Amino acid sequence: MAPKSRSYQLSATPFVIFAQLLAIAVTTLVFVLYLHFEGGFAFKSEDKTKIFNVHPFLMVLGLIIIGGEAIMAYKIVPGDRRTQKGVHLILHLLALTAGILGIVFIFRFHNEIEAKDMQTLHSWMGIITISLYGLQWVLAFFAYCFPGGEMSRRGTLLPWHTFVGMVIFLLAVTTALTGLSGFSNYLLLSTKGYILNFTGLFILLFAITVTLTVILPRGY
């Protein structure tokens, strides 16, 4: 009699849980950094830092945290495929909206302090990221949500949709890390410096964990 085979295949479930803990950690650190150390947020203020603060807050919480949750929706949301797809689509739309507003605020900040726009690698990567994010969302909406799409064509496009989506997500993470790195260059390892460094590390771990949830099968 042949010995029974054992499956050592991991499921995405423990990584989904770990991703939620990392998301909470990143969100907490971002709130502490920009509310406690940087004075909060404002659309219009004499303290121009408050206008700038909206930009990293929206980009991290939008494109990375909400965007990551959107990617994991198929592994988190209970119910049928249609429900999961709806949550996936809505979360990505929220992330895209936050990203666009984040871009608006950084341009507003530059205008307020009379600084030139698009002078850094970080800014170039940011514009590329938000442009690709918007294009990906529009194409996905018409391919997967608009009535009349052929199932065979949708199946053919799915691997590319997943691949491009992960590239855009990782590009958003890389852009955030370049922004945090540029900010932390002016700081010694003070409390604020430690918060920035740990925020960057947790963002990187979150990206790795989200990637694993995409690769691994859903747990039941």
N, C-alpha and C. Protein backbone atom coordinates (compact mmCIF):
# COMPACT_ATOMS: atom_id res chain seq x y z
N MET A 1 0.84 -1.19 0.00
CA MET A 1 0.00 0.00 0.00
C MET A 1 0.89 1.25 0.00
N ALA A 2 0.59 2.15 -0.89
CA ALA A 2 1.38 3.37 -0.99
C ALA A 2 1.12 4.25 0.22
N PRO A 3 2.18 4.86 0.75
CA PRO A 3 1.99 5.72 1.92
C PRO A 3 1.13 6.93 1.57
N LYS A 4 0.37 7.36 2.55
CA LYS A 4 -0.48 8.53 2.33
C LYS A 4 0.38 9.78 2.15
N SER A 5 0.01 10.56 1.15
CA SER A 5 0.77 11.79 0.89
C SER A 5 0.34 12.87 1.88
N ARG A 6 1.28 13.69 2.22
CA ARG A 6 1.00 14.79 3.13
C ARG A 6 1.16 16.11 2.37
N SER A 7 0.27 17.00 2.64
CA SER A 7 0.34 18.31 1.99
C SER A 7 0.93 19.32 2.97
N TYR A 8 2.02 19.94 2.55
CA TYR A 8 2.65 20.97 3.36
C TYR A 8 2.34 22.35 2.80
N GLN A 9 1.31 22.40 1.99
CA GLN A 9 0.97 23.67 1.35
C GLN A 9 0.42 24.65 2.38
N LEU A 10 0.97 25.85 2.38
CA LEU A 10 0.49 26.88 3.27
C LEU A 10 -0.75 27.54 2.70
N SER A 11 -1.58 28.09 3.57
CA SER A 11 -2.71 28.89 3.12
C SER A 11 -2.40 30.36 3.37
N ALA A 12 -3.20 31.21 2.76
CA ALA A 12 -2.97 32.64 2.89
C ALA A 12 -3.44 33.18 4.24
N THR A 13 -4.25 32.43 4.97
CA THR A 13 -4.91 32.93 6.18
C THR A 13 -3.96 33.55 7.21
N PRO A 14 -2.88 32.86 7.64
CA PRO A 14 -2.01 33.49 8.65
C PRO A 14 -1.34 34.76 8.15
N PHE A 15 -1.08 34.83 6.86
CA PHE A 15 -0.45 36.02 6.31
C PHE A 15 -1.44 37.17 6.19
N VAL A 16 -2.71 36.83 5.93
CA VAL A 16 -3.76 37.85 5.92
C VAL A 16 -3.88 38.48 7.32
N ILE A 17 -3.85 37.64 8.34
CA ILE A 17 -3.94 38.13 9.72
C ILE A 17 -2.74 39.01 10.05
N PHE A 18 -1.55 38.54 9.66
CA PHE A 18 -0.34 39.32 9.91
C PHE A 18 -0.38 40.65 9.17
N ALA A 19 -0.92 40.65 7.96
CA ALA A 19 -1.05 41.88 7.18
C ALA A 19 -1.95 42.89 7.89
N GLN A 20 -3.01 42.40 8.53
CA GLN A 20 -3.91 43.31 9.25
C GLN A 20 -3.19 43.95 10.43
N LEU A 21 -2.36 43.19 11.12
CA LEU A 21 -1.59 43.73 12.24
C LEU A 21 -0.60 44.79 11.75
N LEU A 22 0.03 44.51 10.61
CA LEU A 22 0.97 45.48 10.04
C LEU A 22 0.24 46.73 9.58
N ALA A 23 -0.94 46.57 9.01
CA ALA A 23 -1.74 47.72 8.57
C ALA A 23 -2.09 48.61 9.76
N ILE A 24 -2.47 47.99 10.87
CA ILE A 24 -2.77 48.76 12.09
C ILE A 24 -1.53 49.48 12.58
N ALA A 25 -0.39 48.79 12.54
CA ALA A 25 0.86 49.39 13.01
C ALA A 25 1.25 50.59 12.16
N VAL A 26 1.18 50.44 10.83
CA VAL A 26 1.53 51.54 9.93
C VAL A 26 0.58 52.71 10.13
N THR A 27 -0.71 52.43 10.20
CA THR A 27 -1.70 53.50 10.38
C THR A 27 -1.46 54.26 11.69
N THR A 28 -1.19 53.52 12.77
CA THR A 28 -0.92 54.14 14.06
C THR A 28 0.31 55.04 14.01
N LEU A 29 1.39 54.52 13.41
CA LEU A 29 2.63 55.29 13.32
C LEU A 29 2.46 56.54 12.49
N VAL A 30 1.71 56.44 11.40
CA VAL A 30 1.47 57.60 10.54
C VAL A 30 0.67 58.67 11.29
N PHE A 31 -0.35 58.24 12.03
CA PHE A 31 -1.14 59.19 12.82
C PHE A 31 -0.27 59.86 13.88
N VAL A 32 0.54 59.08 14.58
CA VAL A 32 1.41 59.63 15.61
C VAL A 32 2.40 60.62 15.00
N LEU A 33 2.98 60.24 13.87
CA LEU A 33 3.99 61.09 13.23
C LEU A 33 3.42 62.43 12.81
N TYR A 34 2.27 62.40 12.11
CA TYR A 34 1.76 63.64 11.53
C TYR A 34 0.82 64.43 12.44
N LEU A 35 0.25 63.78 13.43
CA LEU A 35 -0.59 64.52 14.39
C LEU A 35 0.23 65.04 15.57
N HIS A 36 1.10 64.19 16.10
CA HIS A 36 1.85 64.57 17.30
C HIS A 36 3.11 65.37 16.96
N PHE A 37 3.90 64.88 15.99
CA PHE A 37 5.18 65.52 15.71
C PHE A 37 5.10 66.63 14.66
N GLU A 38 4.15 66.54 13.74
CA GLU A 38 4.12 67.50 12.63
C GLU A 38 2.95 68.48 12.70
N GLY A 39 2.13 68.41 13.74
CA GLY A 39 1.12 69.45 13.96
C GLY A 39 -0.22 69.23 13.33
N GLY A 40 -0.45 68.10 12.66
CA GLY A 40 -1.77 67.81 12.12
C GLY A 40 -1.91 68.14 10.65
N PHE A 41 -3.17 68.30 10.22
CA PHE A 41 -3.50 68.46 8.80
C PHE A 41 -4.36 69.70 8.59
N ALA A 42 -4.23 70.27 7.38
CA ALA A 42 -5.07 71.42 7.04
C ALA A 42 -5.10 71.58 5.52
N PHE A 43 -6.25 72.05 5.02
CA PHE A 43 -6.34 72.38 3.60
C PHE A 43 -5.73 73.74 3.34
N LYS A 44 -5.88 74.65 4.33
CA LYS A 44 -5.32 75.98 4.22
C LYS A 44 -4.85 76.40 5.60
N SER A 45 -3.60 76.85 5.69
CA SER A 45 -3.05 77.20 7.00
C SER A 45 -1.83 78.08 6.82
N GLU A 46 -1.57 78.90 7.85
CA GLU A 46 -0.33 79.67 7.86
C GLU A 46 0.87 78.76 8.03
N ASP A 47 0.66 77.66 8.73
CA ASP A 47 1.70 76.64 8.88
C ASP A 47 1.62 75.70 7.68
N LYS A 48 2.49 75.90 6.71
CA LYS A 48 2.41 75.16 5.45
C LYS A 48 2.69 73.67 5.62
N THR A 49 3.36 73.32 6.72
CA THR A 49 3.63 71.91 7.00
C THR A 49 2.34 71.11 7.11
N LYS A 50 1.31 71.74 7.66
CA LYS A 50 0.03 71.05 7.83
C LYS A 50 -0.60 70.71 6.47
N ILE A 51 -0.37 71.55 5.48
CA ILE A 51 -0.86 71.26 4.13
C ILE A 51 -0.08 70.09 3.54
N PHE A 52 1.24 70.13 3.71
CA PHE A 52 2.08 69.03 3.21
C PHE A 52 1.70 67.70 3.85
N ASN A 53 1.41 67.71 5.16
CA ASN A 53 1.15 66.47 5.89
C ASN A 53 0.02 65.64 5.30
N VAL A 54 -0.92 66.31 4.65
CA VAL A 54 -2.05 65.58 4.06
C VAL A 54 -1.56 64.65 2.95
N HIS A 55 -0.51 65.07 2.26
CA HIS A 55 0.00 64.29 1.12
C HIS A 55 0.50 62.90 1.54
N PRO A 56 1.50 62.79 2.44
CA PRO A 56 1.96 61.45 2.81
C PRO A 56 0.89 60.63 3.52
N PHE A 57 0.05 61.32 4.30
CA PHE A 57 -1.02 60.60 5.00
C PHE A 57 -1.95 59.90 4.01
N LEU A 58 -2.41 60.63 3.00
CA LEU A 58 -3.34 60.06 2.01
C LEU A 58 -2.66 59.01 1.13
N MET A 59 -1.40 59.24 0.79
CA MET A 59 -0.71 58.29 -0.09
C MET A 59 -0.47 56.95 0.61
N VAL A 60 -0.03 57.02 1.87
CA VAL A 60 0.24 55.78 2.60
C VAL A 60 -1.06 55.06 2.95
N LEU A 61 -2.01 55.79 3.53
CA LEU A 61 -3.27 55.16 3.93
C LEU A 61 -4.11 54.76 2.73
N GLY A 62 -3.98 55.49 1.61
CA GLY A 62 -4.77 55.19 0.43
C GLY A 62 -4.15 54.12 -0.44
N LEU A 63 -3.08 54.49 -1.14
CA LEU A 63 -2.51 53.58 -2.14
C LEU A 63 -1.91 52.33 -1.52
N ILE A 64 -1.39 52.43 -0.30
CA ILE A 64 -0.71 51.27 0.28
C ILE A 64 -1.64 50.46 1.18
N ILE A 65 -2.21 51.07 2.21
CA ILE A 65 -3.04 50.30 3.15
C ILE A 65 -4.37 49.89 2.51
N ILE A 66 -5.14 50.85 2.02
CA ILE A 66 -6.42 50.50 1.40
C ILE A 66 -6.18 49.71 0.11
N GLY A 67 -5.16 50.10 -0.66
CA GLY A 67 -4.83 49.35 -1.87
C GLY A 67 -4.44 47.92 -1.56
N GLY A 68 -3.68 47.72 -0.49
CA GLY A 68 -3.31 46.36 -0.08
C GLY A 68 -4.52 45.55 0.35
N GLU A 69 -5.43 46.19 1.09
CA GLU A 69 -6.66 45.50 1.51
C GLU A 69 -7.50 45.12 0.29
N ALA A 70 -7.51 45.98 -0.72
CA ALA A 70 -8.25 45.68 -1.95
C ALA A 70 -7.67 44.44 -2.63
N ILE A 71 -6.34 44.36 -2.67
CA ILE A 71 -5.69 43.19 -3.27
C ILE A 71 -6.05 41.92 -2.51
N MET A 72 -6.13 42.02 -1.18
CA MET A 72 -6.42 40.83 -0.36
C MET A 72 -7.91 40.54 -0.23
N ALA A 73 -8.75 41.33 -0.87
CA ALA A 73 -10.21 41.17 -0.70
C ALA A 73 -10.68 39.76 -1.02
N TYR A 74 -10.09 39.15 -2.03
CA TYR A 74 -10.51 37.80 -2.42
C TYR A 74 -10.13 36.75 -1.37
N LYS A 75 -9.20 37.11 -0.49
CA LYS A 75 -8.80 36.18 0.57
C LYS A 75 -9.44 36.54 1.92
N ILE A 76 -10.04 37.73 2.01
CA ILE A 76 -10.61 38.21 3.28
C ILE A 76 -12.12 38.15 3.30
N VAL A 77 -12.74 38.65 2.24
CA VAL A 77 -14.19 38.86 2.22
C VAL A 77 -14.93 37.53 2.07
N PRO A 78 -15.84 37.21 2.99
CA PRO A 78 -16.64 35.99 2.83
C PRO A 78 -17.71 36.20 1.75
N GLY A 79 -18.23 35.11 1.25
CA GLY A 79 -19.28 35.22 0.25
C GLY A 79 -18.80 34.76 -1.11
N ASP A 80 -19.65 35.03 -2.11
CA ASP A 80 -19.33 34.55 -3.45
C ASP A 80 -18.35 35.48 -4.14
N ARG A 81 -17.94 35.06 -5.33
CA ARG A 81 -16.94 35.79 -6.11
C ARG A 81 -17.42 37.20 -6.48
N ARG A 82 -18.71 37.32 -6.72
CA ARG A 82 -19.27 38.62 -7.11
C ARG A 82 -19.12 39.63 -5.98
N THR A 83 -19.40 39.20 -4.76
CA THR A 83 -19.26 40.08 -3.60
C THR A 83 -17.81 40.50 -3.40
N GLN A 84 -16.91 39.53 -3.51
CA GLN A 84 -15.48 39.82 -3.36
C GLN A 84 -15.00 40.80 -4.42
N LYS A 85 -15.48 40.62 -5.64
CA LYS A 85 -15.08 41.51 -6.73
C LYS A 85 -15.59 42.93 -6.48
N GLY A 86 -16.80 43.04 -5.94
CA GLY A 86 -17.35 44.35 -5.63
C GLY A 86 -16.54 45.08 -4.58
N VAL A 87 -16.16 44.37 -3.52
CA VAL A 87 -15.33 44.98 -2.47
C VAL A 87 -13.96 45.36 -3.03
N HIS A 88 -13.40 44.48 -3.83
CA HIS A 88 -12.10 44.73 -4.47
C HIS A 88 -12.15 46.01 -5.30
N LEU A 89 -13.19 46.17 -6.06
CA LEU A 89 -13.34 47.33 -6.94
C LEU A 89 -13.52 48.62 -6.12
N ILE A 90 -14.38 48.57 -5.11
CA ILE A 90 -14.68 49.76 -4.31
C ILE A 90 -13.45 50.21 -3.51
N LEU A 91 -12.75 49.25 -2.91
CA LEU A 91 -11.55 49.61 -2.15
C LEU A 91 -10.49 50.24 -3.04
N HIS A 92 -10.32 49.69 -4.24
CA HIS A 92 -9.35 50.28 -5.16
C HIS A 92 -9.77 51.70 -5.58
N LEU A 93 -11.07 51.90 -5.73
CA LEU A 93 -11.56 53.25 -6.07
C LEU A 93 -11.28 54.23 -4.93
N LEU A 94 -11.48 53.78 -3.68
CA LEU A 94 -11.17 54.63 -2.53
C LEU A 94 -9.68 54.95 -2.48
N ALA A 95 -8.85 53.92 -2.75
CA ALA A 95 -7.40 54.13 -2.75
C ALA A 95 -7.00 55.11 -3.84
N LEU A 96 -7.59 54.97 -5.02
CA LEU A 96 -7.29 55.87 -6.13
C LEU A 96 -7.71 57.30 -5.80
N THR A 97 -8.89 57.46 -5.20
CA THR A 97 -9.37 58.79 -4.81
C THR A 97 -8.43 59.44 -3.80
N ALA A 98 -8.00 58.66 -2.81
CA ALA A 98 -7.06 59.17 -1.81
C ALA A 98 -5.74 59.58 -2.47
N GLY A 99 -5.28 58.76 -3.43
CA GLY A 99 -4.04 59.07 -4.13
C GLY A 99 -4.13 60.36 -4.93
N ILE A 100 -5.25 60.55 -5.62
CA ILE A 100 -5.44 61.78 -6.41
C ILE A 100 -5.47 63.00 -5.50
N LEU A 101 -6.18 62.89 -4.37
CA LEU A 101 -6.22 63.99 -3.42
C LEU A 101 -4.83 64.27 -2.84
N GLY A 102 -4.08 63.20 -2.61
CA GLY A 102 -2.71 63.37 -2.12
C GLY A 102 -1.85 64.14 -3.10
N ILE A 103 -2.01 63.87 -4.39
CA ILE A 103 -1.28 64.60 -5.43
C ILE A 103 -1.72 66.08 -5.43
N VAL A 104 -3.02 66.31 -5.31
CA VAL A 104 -3.54 67.68 -5.28
C VAL A 104 -2.91 68.46 -4.14
N PHE A 105 -2.81 67.84 -2.96
CA PHE A 105 -2.27 68.55 -1.80
C PHE A 105 -0.78 68.85 -1.94
N ILE A 106 -0.02 67.96 -2.57
CA ILE A 106 1.41 68.26 -2.69
C ILE A 106 1.64 69.39 -3.69
N PHE A 107 0.81 69.44 -4.75
CA PHE A 107 0.91 70.57 -5.67
C PHE A 107 0.47 71.86 -4.99
N ARG A 108 -0.55 71.77 -4.15
CA ARG A 108 -1.00 72.95 -3.41
C ARG A 108 0.10 73.43 -2.46
N PHE A 109 0.74 72.50 -1.79
CA PHE A 109 1.83 72.85 -0.88
C PHE A 109 2.96 73.56 -1.63
N HIS A 110 3.36 73.00 -2.76
CA HIS A 110 4.42 73.64 -3.56
C HIS A 110 4.02 75.03 -4.02
N ASN A 111 2.75 75.18 -4.38
CA ASN A 111 2.27 76.49 -4.81
C ASN A 111 2.30 77.50 -3.65
N GLU A 112 1.96 77.03 -2.46
CA GLU A 112 1.94 77.91 -1.28
C GLU A 112 3.34 78.41 -0.92
N ILE A 113 4.34 77.54 -1.06
CA ILE A 113 5.70 77.94 -0.68
C ILE A 113 6.51 78.38 -1.90
N GLU A 114 5.84 78.43 -3.06
CA GLU A 114 6.46 78.87 -4.31
C GLU A 114 7.67 78.00 -4.68
N ALA A 115 7.48 76.70 -4.57
CA ALA A 115 8.52 75.73 -4.94
C ALA A 115 8.18 75.10 -6.28
N LYS A 116 9.19 74.63 -6.98
CA LYS A 116 8.98 73.98 -8.27
C LYS A 116 8.45 72.57 -8.07
N ASP A 117 7.60 72.13 -9.00
CA ASP A 117 7.05 70.78 -8.96
C ASP A 117 7.92 69.81 -9.77
N MET A 118 7.76 68.54 -9.46
CA MET A 118 8.35 67.45 -10.25
C MET A 118 9.87 67.58 -10.37
N GLN A 119 10.54 67.78 -9.25
CA GLN A 119 11.99 67.95 -9.27
C GLN A 119 12.75 66.72 -8.76
N THR A 120 12.04 65.75 -8.20
CA THR A 120 12.72 64.60 -7.58
C THR A 120 12.26 63.28 -8.21
N LEU A 121 13.08 62.25 -8.00
CA LEU A 121 12.71 60.90 -8.44
C LEU A 121 11.42 60.47 -7.75
N HIS A 122 11.26 60.83 -6.48
CA HIS A 122 10.05 60.50 -5.74
C HIS A 122 8.80 61.05 -6.43
N SER A 123 8.88 62.29 -6.89
CA SER A 123 7.72 62.91 -7.54
C SER A 123 7.43 62.26 -8.89
N TRP A 124 8.47 61.90 -9.62
CA TRP A 124 8.26 61.22 -10.90
C TRP A 124 7.59 59.87 -10.68
N MET A 125 8.09 59.12 -9.71
CA MET A 125 7.51 57.81 -9.41
C MET A 125 6.07 57.94 -8.94
N GLY A 126 5.79 59.00 -8.18
CA GLY A 126 4.43 59.22 -7.69
C GLY A 126 3.45 59.45 -8.83
N ILE A 127 3.83 60.28 -9.78
CA ILE A 127 2.94 60.56 -10.92
C ILE A 127 2.74 59.31 -11.77
N ILE A 128 3.83 58.57 -11.98
CA ILE A 128 3.72 57.31 -12.74
C ILE A 128 2.78 56.34 -12.03
N THR A 129 2.93 56.24 -10.72
CA THR A 129 2.11 55.31 -9.93
C THR A 129 0.63 55.66 -10.01
N ILE A 130 0.29 56.92 -9.76
CA ILE A 130 -1.12 57.29 -9.74
C ILE A 130 -1.73 57.20 -11.13
N SER A 131 -0.94 57.47 -12.17
CA SER A 131 -1.43 57.36 -13.55
C SER A 131 -1.73 55.90 -13.90
N LEU A 132 -0.80 55.01 -13.56
CA LEU A 132 -1.01 53.59 -13.83
C LEU A 132 -2.16 53.03 -13.00
N TYR A 133 -2.28 53.50 -11.76
CA TYR A 133 -3.36 53.04 -10.88
C TYR A 133 -4.71 53.39 -11.49
N GLY A 134 -4.84 54.63 -11.95
CA GLY A 134 -6.10 55.06 -12.57
C GLY A 134 -6.40 54.29 -13.84
N LEU A 135 -5.38 54.10 -14.68
CA LEU A 135 -5.57 53.36 -15.93
C LEU A 135 -5.96 51.91 -15.65
N GLN A 136 -5.30 51.30 -14.68
CA GLN A 136 -5.61 49.91 -14.32
C GLN A 136 -7.05 49.78 -13.84
N TRP A 137 -7.51 50.74 -13.03
CA TRP A 137 -8.87 50.67 -12.50
C TRP A 137 -9.90 50.79 -13.62
N VAL A 138 -9.69 51.74 -14.51
CA VAL A 138 -10.64 51.95 -15.61
C VAL A 138 -10.69 50.73 -16.52
N LEU A 139 -9.53 50.21 -16.90
CA LEU A 139 -9.50 49.03 -17.78
C LEU A 139 -10.14 47.83 -17.10
N ALA A 140 -9.87 47.66 -15.79
CA ALA A 140 -10.45 46.52 -15.07
C ALA A 140 -11.97 46.66 -14.96
N PHE A 141 -12.45 47.88 -14.77
CA PHE A 141 -13.89 48.09 -14.68
C PHE A 141 -14.58 47.65 -15.97
N PHE A 142 -14.04 48.07 -17.10
CA PHE A 142 -14.67 47.72 -18.38
C PHE A 142 -14.47 46.25 -18.73
N ALA A 143 -13.36 45.67 -18.27
CA ALA A 143 -13.09 44.26 -18.60
C ALA A 143 -13.90 43.30 -17.73
N TYR A 144 -14.08 43.64 -16.43
CA TYR A 144 -14.67 42.68 -15.51
C TYR A 144 -16.03 43.07 -14.93
N CYS A 145 -16.37 44.34 -15.01
CA CYS A 145 -17.64 44.78 -14.40
C CYS A 145 -18.65 45.28 -15.42
N PHE A 146 -18.19 45.73 -16.54
CA PHE A 146 -19.09 46.26 -17.56
C PHE A 146 -19.80 45.10 -18.24
N PRO A 147 -21.14 45.16 -18.35
CA PRO A 147 -21.88 44.05 -18.96
C PRO A 147 -21.45 43.78 -20.40
N GLY A 148 -21.45 42.51 -20.75
CA GLY A 148 -21.16 42.15 -22.13
C GLY A 148 -19.77 41.62 -22.38
N GLY A 149 -18.92 41.63 -21.35
CA GLY A 149 -17.57 41.13 -21.53
C GLY A 149 -17.55 39.62 -21.69
N GLU A 150 -16.72 39.12 -22.58
CA GLU A 150 -16.63 37.69 -22.82
C GLU A 150 -15.84 37.01 -21.70
N MET A 151 -16.35 35.88 -21.21
CA MET A 151 -15.70 35.19 -20.10
C MET A 151 -14.31 34.69 -20.50
N SER A 152 -14.17 34.23 -21.73
CA SER A 152 -12.87 33.72 -22.18
C SER A 152 -11.83 34.83 -22.20
N ARG A 153 -12.26 36.01 -22.65
CA ARG A 153 -11.34 37.15 -22.69
C ARG A 153 -10.96 37.59 -21.28
N ARG A 154 -11.94 37.56 -20.39
CA ARG A 154 -11.66 37.92 -19.00
C ARG A 154 -10.65 36.95 -18.39
N GLY A 155 -10.81 35.69 -18.68
CA GLY A 155 -9.88 34.69 -18.17
C GLY A 155 -8.48 34.88 -18.70
N THR A 156 -8.38 35.28 -19.95
CA THR A 156 -7.07 35.52 -20.56
C THR A 156 -6.39 36.74 -19.95
N LEU A 157 -7.20 37.75 -19.63
CA LEU A 157 -6.64 38.99 -19.09
C LEU A 157 -6.29 38.89 -17.60
N LEU A 158 -6.91 37.95 -16.89
CA LEU A 158 -6.76 37.90 -15.44
C LEU A 158 -5.31 37.81 -14.96
N PRO A 159 -4.46 36.92 -15.50
CA PRO A 159 -3.07 36.87 -15.02
C PRO A 159 -2.35 38.20 -15.21
N TRP A 160 -2.62 38.87 -16.34
CA TRP A 160 -1.98 40.15 -16.60
C TRP A 160 -2.53 41.24 -15.67
N HIS A 161 -3.83 41.18 -15.40
CA HIS A 161 -4.44 42.13 -14.46
C HIS A 161 -3.79 41.99 -13.08
N THR A 162 -3.62 40.75 -12.63
CA THR A 162 -3.01 40.50 -11.33
C THR A 162 -1.56 40.95 -11.31
N PHE A 163 -0.82 40.61 -12.35
CA PHE A 163 0.60 40.97 -12.42
C PHE A 163 0.79 42.49 -12.42
N VAL A 164 0.06 43.19 -13.29
CA VAL A 164 0.19 44.64 -13.38
C VAL A 164 -0.26 45.30 -12.08
N GLY A 165 -1.32 44.76 -11.48
CA GLY A 165 -1.79 45.30 -10.20
C GLY A 165 -0.73 45.21 -9.12
N MET A 166 -0.03 44.08 -9.06
CA MET A 166 1.02 43.93 -8.06
C MET A 166 2.21 44.84 -8.36
N VAL A 167 2.53 45.01 -9.63
CA VAL A 167 3.62 45.93 -10.00
C VAL A 167 3.29 47.34 -9.53
N ILE A 168 2.04 47.78 -9.77
CA ILE A 168 1.63 49.12 -9.37
C ILE A 168 1.65 49.26 -7.84
N PHE A 169 1.18 48.24 -7.14
CA PHE A 169 1.20 48.27 -5.68
C PHE A 169 2.63 48.38 -5.15
N LEU A 170 3.54 47.58 -5.70
CA LEU A 170 4.93 47.62 -5.26
C LEU A 170 5.60 48.93 -5.67
N LEU A 171 5.18 49.50 -6.78
CA LEU A 171 5.68 50.82 -7.18
C LEU A 171 5.24 51.89 -6.18
N ALA A 172 3.98 51.78 -5.71
CA ALA A 172 3.48 52.70 -4.70
C ALA A 172 4.29 52.57 -3.40
N VAL A 173 4.61 51.34 -3.03
CA VAL A 173 5.41 51.10 -1.82
C VAL A 173 6.80 51.71 -1.99
N THR A 174 7.42 51.46 -3.14
CA THR A 174 8.76 52.00 -3.39
C THR A 174 8.75 53.52 -3.36
N THR A 175 7.71 54.12 -3.94
CA THR A 175 7.60 55.58 -3.94
C THR A 175 7.47 56.11 -2.52
N ALA A 176 6.65 55.45 -1.70
CA ALA A 176 6.49 55.87 -0.31
C ALA A 176 7.82 55.77 0.44
N LEU A 177 8.56 54.70 0.20
CA LEU A 177 9.83 54.52 0.90
C LEU A 177 10.86 55.57 0.48
N THR A 178 10.85 55.96 -0.79
CA THR A 178 11.78 57.02 -1.22
C THR A 178 11.39 58.35 -0.55
N GLY A 179 10.09 58.58 -0.39
CA GLY A 179 9.65 59.80 0.29
C GLY A 179 10.04 59.81 1.75
N LEU A 180 9.84 58.68 2.44
CA LEU A 180 10.22 58.60 3.85
C LEU A 180 11.73 58.70 4.02
N SER A 181 12.45 58.09 3.09
CA SER A 181 13.91 58.13 3.15
C SER A 181 14.42 59.56 3.00
N GLY A 182 13.83 60.29 2.06
CA GLY A 182 14.23 61.68 1.87
C GLY A 182 13.94 62.53 3.10
N PHE A 183 12.82 62.23 3.75
CA PHE A 183 12.43 62.95 4.96
C PHE A 183 13.38 62.62 6.11
N SER A 184 13.72 61.33 6.27
CA SER A 184 14.53 60.90 7.41
C SER A 184 15.99 61.28 7.26
N ASN A 185 16.42 61.67 6.06
CA ASN A 185 17.81 62.10 5.88
C ASN A 185 18.15 63.31 6.73
N TYR A 186 17.11 64.08 7.10
CA TYR A 186 17.33 65.29 7.88
C TYR A 186 17.22 65.05 9.37
N LEU A 187 17.01 63.79 9.75
CA LEU A 187 16.79 63.48 11.16
C LEU A 187 17.86 62.55 11.70
N LEU A 188 18.26 62.77 12.94
CA LEU A 188 19.07 61.79 13.65
C LEU A 188 18.11 60.76 14.24
N LEU A 189 18.66 59.74 14.89
CA LEU A 189 17.80 58.70 15.44
C LEU A 189 17.14 59.19 16.74
N SER A 190 16.29 60.19 16.57
CA SER A 190 15.45 60.68 17.65
C SER A 190 14.18 59.83 17.66
N THR A 191 13.25 60.17 18.53
CA THR A 191 11.96 59.46 18.54
C THR A 191 11.28 59.56 17.19
N LYS A 192 11.29 60.75 16.62
CA LYS A 192 10.68 60.96 15.31
C LYS A 192 11.39 60.14 14.23
N GLY A 193 12.71 60.08 14.32
CA GLY A 193 13.48 59.29 13.36
C GLY A 193 13.17 57.81 13.46
N TYR A 194 13.03 57.31 14.68
CA TYR A 194 12.68 55.91 14.87
C TYR A 194 11.30 55.61 14.29
N ILE A 195 10.35 56.51 14.52
CA ILE A 195 9.00 56.30 13.99
C ILE A 195 9.02 56.24 12.47
N LEU A 196 9.78 57.13 11.84
CA LEU A 196 9.90 57.11 10.38
C LEU A 196 10.50 55.81 9.89
N ASN A 197 11.58 55.37 10.54
CA ASN A 197 12.25 54.14 10.12
C ASN A 197 11.34 52.92 10.28
N PHE A 198 10.66 52.84 11.42
CA PHE A 198 9.76 51.70 11.65
C PHE A 198 8.56 51.75 10.71
N THR A 199 8.09 52.94 10.40
CA THR A 199 7.00 53.06 9.42
C THR A 199 7.44 52.48 8.08
N GLY A 200 8.64 52.83 7.64
CA GLY A 200 9.15 52.29 6.39
C GLY A 200 9.31 50.79 6.43
N LEU A 201 9.85 50.26 7.52
CA LEU A 201 10.03 48.81 7.63
C LEU A 201 8.69 48.07 7.63
N PHE A 202 7.71 48.61 8.36
CA PHE A 202 6.40 47.96 8.42
C PHE A 202 5.68 48.03 7.07
N ILE A 203 5.88 49.13 6.34
CA ILE A 203 5.31 49.23 4.99
C ILE A 203 5.91 48.14 4.09
N LEU A 204 7.22 47.96 4.18
CA LEU A 204 7.88 46.92 3.38
C LEU A 204 7.37 45.54 3.76
N LEU A 205 7.26 45.26 5.06
CA LEU A 205 6.74 43.96 5.50
C LEU A 205 5.29 43.76 5.06
N PHE A 206 4.51 44.82 5.10
CA PHE A 206 3.12 44.75 4.64
C PHE A 206 3.07 44.37 3.16
N ALA A 207 3.94 45.00 2.35
CA ALA A 207 3.97 44.70 0.92
C ALA A 207 4.36 43.25 0.66
N ILE A 208 5.35 42.75 1.39
CA ILE A 208 5.76 41.35 1.24
C ILE A 208 4.64 40.41 1.62
N THR A 209 3.95 40.74 2.72
CA THR A 209 2.86 39.88 3.20
C THR A 209 1.68 39.88 2.23
N VAL A 210 1.32 41.05 1.71
CA VAL A 210 0.25 41.12 0.71
C VAL A 210 0.60 40.28 -0.51
N THR A 211 1.85 40.35 -0.94
CA THR A 211 2.29 39.56 -2.09
C THR A 211 2.13 38.07 -1.82
N LEU A 212 2.47 37.64 -0.61
CA LEU A 212 2.30 36.22 -0.24
C LEU A 212 0.84 35.81 -0.27
N THR A 213 -0.06 36.68 0.18
CA THR A 213 -1.49 36.33 0.17
C THR A 213 -2.01 36.13 -1.25
N VAL A 214 -1.41 36.84 -2.21
CA VAL A 214 -1.82 36.66 -3.60
C VAL A 214 -1.34 35.31 -4.13
N ILE A 215 -0.15 34.91 -3.74
CA ILE A 215 0.44 33.68 -4.24
C ILE A 215 -0.21 32.45 -3.63
N LEU A 216 -0.49 32.52 -2.32
CA LEU A 216 -0.98 31.35 -1.59
C LEU A 216 -2.49 31.18 -1.74
N PRO A 217 -2.98 29.94 -1.63
CA PRO A 217 -4.43 29.70 -1.74
C PRO A 217 -5.17 30.17 -0.51
N ARG A 218 -6.45 30.44 -0.69
CA ARG A 218 -7.27 30.86 0.44
C ARG A 218 -7.51 29.70 1.38
N GLY A 219 -7.45 29.99 2.69
CA GLY A 219 -7.71 28.96 3.68
C GLY A 219 -9.21 28.79 3.90
N TYR A 220 -9.65 27.61 4.22
CA TYR A 220 -11.08 27.34 4.44
C TYR A 220 -11.27 26.70 5.80
